[in-house]
Amino acid sequence: MTPPPRFLVVAIHGFLGRPSDWDPVVPHLPRARLRPIDLWPVLDGTRAGWDTVGASLGRAVDDVLARDTLRPAILAAYSFGARLALAVPGLDAGEGALAAACLVSAHPGLSDERSRLARRAADREWARRLLEDPEEDVLRDWDAQPVLARSGARGAGRRFPASRETLAAAMTGLSLAEQPDFRPRLAAWRAPLLWIAGGDDAKFAGLAGEIAAIGLAADVEIVAGAGHRVPFDAPAAFARAFTSWVDKRVPRRGDADGTRRT
């Protein structure tokens, strides 16, 4: 008989992703119940921007938590979704029903204007392509980006997960170029936080090393053999790292703190 799940995971996918992107992880997390959020209805029909996205995503998370009362509840977010999660009110303090967060291949924000200008131009070109170019060409070239080159190839027959207009608006309005630098928020982070990157993803493993080096209150895990898409590239290794961290850091109901485990 399969034992009942012991914790809830609210999962958020990346750009051009879908809730089903988390499916490879599910068999490796038998103690968890995974509830993925579809980002695109959250962003569709709204003015995508950093001044509003945190509250919008927070409401979507709250809707999941209202329907599923299994606790503790943990937010797991990947890449674009992880950047958006950094804007969710109260996540840093463990307020509300979310006890902790796991951010995968996350970027805390650009810290210089030259980098912002370059990223803004690149994302505007992607937005143009999302509006005008054939889907198969955009998806092929998206997967060919250097940051994804060491990651596993996605399946054939993919389609855009949302309307062209929604994707283009998210690309520009929620660009890394417009994202606040969340390092000050991370420096004051109090809730349990796991920061994961793939060992074959030099850029984001470097960012994870920065998070570790500056003494932020986060557990940092580099998953060997994984590229940028850690849950897709190495679902078993990701699940082991995640479960070990939950056991060590995330308080169960009735625990006085996040370090005791029996």
Protein backbone atom coordinates (compact mmCIF):
# COMPACT_ATOMS: atom_id res chain seq x y z
CA MET A 1 0.00 0.00 0.00
CA THR A 2 1.38 3.39 -0.99
CA PRO A 3 1.76 5.70 2.02
CA PRO A 4 -0.06 9.03 1.84
CA PRO A 5 1.92 12.10 0.75
CA ARG A 6 3.57 14.03 3.55
CA PHE A 7 4.02 17.46 1.98
CA LEU A 8 2.60 19.61 -0.80
CA VAL A 9 4.67 21.10 -3.62
CA VAL A 10 3.23 24.03 -5.58
CA ALA A 11 5.31 24.05 -8.77
CA ILE A 12 5.86 26.80 -11.33
CA HIS A 13 7.25 26.20 -14.82
CA GLY A 14 9.57 28.34 -16.93
CA PHE A 15 9.15 30.47 -20.05
CA LEU A 16 7.50 28.62 -22.96
CA GLY A 17 6.74 25.93 -20.38
CA ARG A 18 3.65 24.13 -19.15
CA PRO A 19 2.58 22.50 -15.87
CA SER A 20 3.40 19.11 -17.41
CA ASP A 21 7.09 20.08 -17.44
CA TRP A 22 7.14 18.84 -13.85
CA ASP A 23 5.84 15.37 -14.77
CA PRO A 24 9.32 13.73 -14.90
CA VAL A 25 9.85 14.61 -11.24
CA VAL A 26 6.62 13.12 -9.91
CA PRO A 27 7.71 9.43 -9.79
CA HIS A 28 10.79 10.45 -7.82
CA LEU A 29 8.85 12.35 -5.14
CA PRO A 30 6.57 9.67 -3.65
CA ARG A 31 6.27 11.58 -0.38
CA ALA A 32 5.01 14.72 -2.11
CA ARG A 33 1.81 15.78 -3.80
CA LEU A 34 2.70 18.04 -6.71
CA ARG A 35 0.30 20.81 -7.72
CA PRO A 36 1.72 22.68 -10.73
CA ILE A 37 0.44 26.12 -11.65
CA ASP A 38 -0.12 27.15 -15.26
CA LEU A 39 1.49 30.59 -15.45
CA TRP A 40 -0.14 31.64 -18.68
CA PRO A 41 -3.72 32.15 -17.43
CA VAL A 42 -2.19 34.17 -14.58
CA LEU A 43 -0.44 36.44 -17.09
CA ASP A 44 -3.00 36.35 -19.92
CA GLY A 45 -5.09 39.47 -20.29
CA THR A 46 -3.09 41.40 -17.70
CA ARG A 47 -0.43 44.03 -18.10
CA ALA A 48 2.63 41.95 -17.39
CA GLY A 49 4.97 43.93 -15.18
CA TRP A 50 7.08 43.59 -12.07
CA ASP A 51 4.87 45.96 -10.10
CA THR A 52 1.92 43.55 -10.28
CA VAL A 53 3.18 40.04 -11.04
CA GLY A 54 4.13 39.14 -7.48
CA ALA A 55 0.63 39.75 -6.18
CA SER A 56 -0.96 37.99 -9.18
CA LEU A 57 1.21 34.92 -8.75
CA GLY A 58 0.63 35.00 -5.00
CA ARG A 59 -3.12 34.83 -5.57
CA ALA A 60 -2.68 31.85 -7.90
CA VAL A 61 -0.62 30.08 -5.24
CA ASP A 62 -3.23 30.91 -2.60
CA ASP A 63 -5.93 29.37 -4.81
CA VAL A 64 -4.00 26.10 -4.90
CA LEU A 65 -3.42 26.18 -1.15
CA ALA A 66 -7.12 26.79 -0.52
CA ARG A 67 -8.03 23.69 -2.54
CA ASP A 68 -5.35 21.43 -1.07
CA THR A 69 -4.77 21.61 2.68
CA LEU A 70 -1.85 19.18 2.89
CA ARG A 71 0.95 20.82 4.88
CA PRO A 72 3.75 21.74 4.93
CA ALA A 73 3.45 23.43 1.55
CA ILE A 74 6.55 24.33 -0.44
CA LEU A 75 6.90 26.48 -3.55
CA ALA A 76 9.17 25.05 -6.27
CA ALA A 77 9.82 27.33 -9.23
CA TYR A 78 12.05 27.00 -12.28
CA SER A 79 13.93 29.66 -14.29
CA PHE A 80 11.42 32.32 -15.47
CA GLY A 81 8.99 31.02 -12.86
CA ALA A 82 11.67 31.29 -10.18
CA ARG A 83 12.32 34.91 -11.09
CA LEU A 84 8.62 35.65 -10.74
CA ALA A 85 8.49 33.79 -7.43
CA LEU A 86 11.08 36.18 -6.01
CA ALA A 87 8.41 38.89 -6.26
CA VAL A 88 5.69 37.00 -4.33
CA PRO A 89 4.83 38.94 -1.15
CA GLY A 90 5.64 37.19 2.11
CA LEU A 91 7.55 34.30 0.56
CA ASP A 92 10.81 35.49 2.10
CA ALA A 93 9.32 35.47 5.59
CA GLY A 94 7.44 32.19 5.36
CA GLU A 95 4.19 34.05 5.89
CA GLY A 96 0.91 32.36 5.13
CA ALA A 97 0.61 28.70 4.23
CA LEU A 98 3.87 28.40 2.29
CA ALA A 99 6.59 27.13 4.60
CA ALA A 100 9.55 27.29 2.22
CA ALA A 101 10.73 27.78 -1.36
CA CYS A 102 12.98 25.98 -3.82
CA LEU A 103 14.26 28.09 -6.71
CA VAL A 104 15.78 26.25 -9.68
CA SER A 105 18.04 27.97 -12.22
CA ALA A 106 17.04 31.33 -10.80
CA HIS A 107 18.52 34.75 -11.56
CA PRO A 108 18.47 37.26 -8.68
CA GLY A 109 18.63 40.22 -11.07
CA LEU A 110 21.07 42.25 -13.14
CA SER A 111 23.18 44.71 -11.20
CA ASP A 112 24.51 46.99 -13.97
CA GLU A 113 22.86 49.12 -16.63
CA ARG A 114 24.95 47.85 -19.53
CA SER A 115 23.71 44.31 -18.94
CA ARG A 116 20.15 45.58 -18.69
CA LEU A 117 20.40 47.41 -22.01
CA ALA A 118 21.76 44.33 -23.78
CA ARG A 119 19.11 42.06 -22.28
CA ARG A 120 16.32 44.52 -23.13
CA ALA A 121 17.34 44.55 -26.79
CA ALA A 122 17.59 40.76 -26.92
CA ASP A 123 14.19 40.25 -25.30
CA ARG A 124 12.52 42.75 -27.63
CA GLU A 125 13.81 40.72 -30.56
CA TRP A 126 12.46 37.52 -28.99
CA ALA A 127 9.11 39.27 -28.48
CA ARG A 128 9.05 40.26 -32.15
CA ARG A 129 9.74 36.67 -33.15
CA LEU A 130 7.07 35.36 -30.80
CA LEU A 131 4.56 37.59 -32.58
CA GLU A 132 5.70 37.03 -36.17
CA ASP A 133 7.82 33.93 -36.77
CA PRO A 134 6.71 30.30 -37.26
CA GLU A 135 6.34 28.46 -33.97
CA GLU A 136 8.71 25.66 -34.90
CA ASP A 137 11.47 28.16 -35.77
CA VAL A 138 11.10 30.04 -32.49
CA LEU A 139 11.04 26.87 -30.39
CA ARG A 140 14.05 25.43 -32.22
CA ASP A 141 16.09 28.59 -31.74
CA TRP A 142 14.96 28.95 -28.13
CA ASP A 143 16.32 25.49 -27.35
CA ALA A 144 19.55 26.34 -29.19
CA GLN A 145 20.42 29.22 -26.84
CA PRO A 146 23.80 28.75 -25.12
CA VAL A 147 22.21 28.57 -21.66
CA LEU A 148 20.12 25.60 -22.81
CA ALA A 149 22.73 23.94 -25.01
CA ARG A 150 23.88 21.51 -22.29
CA SER A 151 20.32 20.67 -21.35
CA GLY A 152 18.22 17.81 -22.68
CA ALA A 153 16.35 18.28 -25.94
CA ARG A 154 12.60 18.76 -25.69
CA GLY A 155 10.11 16.56 -27.50
CA ALA A 156 9.01 17.07 -31.09
CA GLY A 157 5.63 18.54 -31.89
CA ARG A 158 5.73 21.25 -29.25
CA ARG A 159 3.50 24.28 -29.60
CA PHE A 160 3.39 27.65 -27.92
CA PRO A 161 1.78 27.25 -24.47
CA ALA A 162 -0.19 30.50 -24.75
CA SER A 163 -1.18 33.13 -27.28
CA ARG A 164 1.58 34.92 -29.13
CA GLU A 165 0.46 38.19 -27.56
CA THR A 166 0.64 36.83 -24.01
CA LEU A 167 4.10 35.36 -24.58
CA ALA A 168 5.46 38.53 -26.18
CA ALA A 169 4.07 40.72 -23.39
CA ALA A 170 5.65 38.48 -20.76
CA MET A 171 8.96 38.46 -22.62
CA THR A 172 9.24 42.26 -22.51
CA GLY A 173 7.25 43.25 -19.43
CA LEU A 174 8.84 40.57 -17.24
CA SER A 175 12.24 40.67 -18.88
CA LEU A 176 15.33 40.22 -16.74
CA ALA A 177 16.16 43.74 -17.96
CA GLU A 178 13.16 45.11 -16.04
CA GLN A 179 13.43 42.78 -13.03
CA PRO A 180 14.45 44.39 -9.75
CA ASP A 181 17.73 43.25 -8.27
CA PHE A 182 16.40 40.90 -5.61
CA ARG A 183 19.72 40.52 -3.76
CA PRO A 184 18.61 42.88 -0.95
CA ARG A 185 15.46 40.80 -0.47
CA LEU A 186 17.50 37.61 -0.49
CA ALA A 187 19.90 39.07 2.07
CA ALA A 188 16.98 39.46 4.48
CA TRP A 189 15.35 36.12 3.62
CA ARG A 190 14.18 34.24 6.72
CA ALA A 191 12.15 31.28 5.44
CA PRO A 192 13.85 28.03 4.35
CA LEU A 193 15.23 28.45 0.83
CA LEU A 194 16.87 25.93 -1.51
CA TRP A 195 18.74 27.32 -4.53
CA ILE A 196 19.45 24.70 -7.21
CA ALA A 197 21.47 24.85 -10.43
CA GLY A 198 22.78 22.27 -12.87
CA GLY A 199 26.45 21.41 -12.80
CA ASP A 200 26.63 21.67 -16.60
CA ASP A 201 25.01 25.12 -16.58
CA ALA A 202 28.08 27.31 -16.05
CA LYS A 203 26.20 30.61 -15.91
CA PHE A 204 23.61 29.61 -13.33
CA ALA A 205 25.97 27.43 -11.34
CA GLY A 206 28.08 30.57 -11.08
CA LEU A 207 25.09 32.56 -9.83
CA ALA A 208 24.40 29.82 -7.28
CA GLY A 209 28.02 30.09 -6.17
CA GLU A 210 27.53 33.82 -5.74
CA ILE A 211 24.48 33.18 -3.56
CA ALA A 212 26.54 30.79 -1.42
CA ALA A 213 29.59 33.07 -1.25
CA ILE A 214 27.81 36.19 -0.01
CA GLY A 215 26.32 34.33 2.91
CA LEU A 216 22.64 34.48 2.04
CA ALA A 217 20.39 32.29 4.17
CA ALA A 218 19.93 29.66 1.47
CA ASP A 219 21.00 26.08 0.97
CA VAL A 220 22.74 25.82 -2.41
CA GLU A 221 22.78 22.57 -4.38
CA ILE A 222 24.58 21.96 -7.68
CA VAL A 223 23.14 18.90 -9.45
CA ALA A 224 25.86 17.06 -11.35
CA GLY A 225 25.06 16.02 -14.90
CA ALA A 226 22.21 18.51 -15.29
CA GLY A 227 22.04 21.55 -17.51
CA HIS A 228 19.72 24.52 -17.06
CA ARG A 229 16.54 22.41 -17.07
CA VAL A 230 17.45 20.54 -13.89
CA PRO A 231 14.09 18.84 -13.19
CA PHE A 232 13.89 17.69 -16.82
CA ASP A 233 17.58 16.73 -17.19
CA ALA A 234 18.04 14.90 -13.89
CA PRO A 235 14.67 14.33 -12.20
CA ALA A 236 15.92 11.65 -9.80
CA ALA A 237 18.93 13.69 -8.64
CA PHE A 238 16.76 16.80 -8.32
CA ALA A 239 14.23 14.88 -6.23
CA ARG A 240 16.94 13.50 -3.94
CA ALA A 241 18.36 16.95 -3.29
CA PHE A 242 14.90 18.41 -2.77
CA THR A 243 13.72 15.67 -0.39
CA SER A 244 16.93 15.81 1.65
CA TRP A 245 16.49 19.55 2.07
CA VAL A 246 12.83 19.19 3.05
CA ASP A 247 13.80 16.66 5.73
CA LYS A 248 16.50 18.94 7.08
CA ARG A 249 14.99 22.41 6.80
CA VAL A 250 11.23 22.45 6.36
CA PRO A 251 9.22 22.30 9.59
CA ARG A 252 6.35 19.89 9.82
CA ARG A 253 3.16 20.87 11.53
CA GLY A 254 3.96 21.26 15.19
CA ASP A 255 7.73 21.65 14.75
CA ALA A 256 9.21 24.57 16.61
CA ASP A 257 11.79 25.32 13.90
CA GLY A 258 13.08 24.17 10.54
CA THR A 259 16.04 22.12 11.74
CA ARG A 260 14.55 19.31 13.82
CA ARG A 261 13.84 15.97 12.20
CA THR A 262 13.08 12.62 13.80
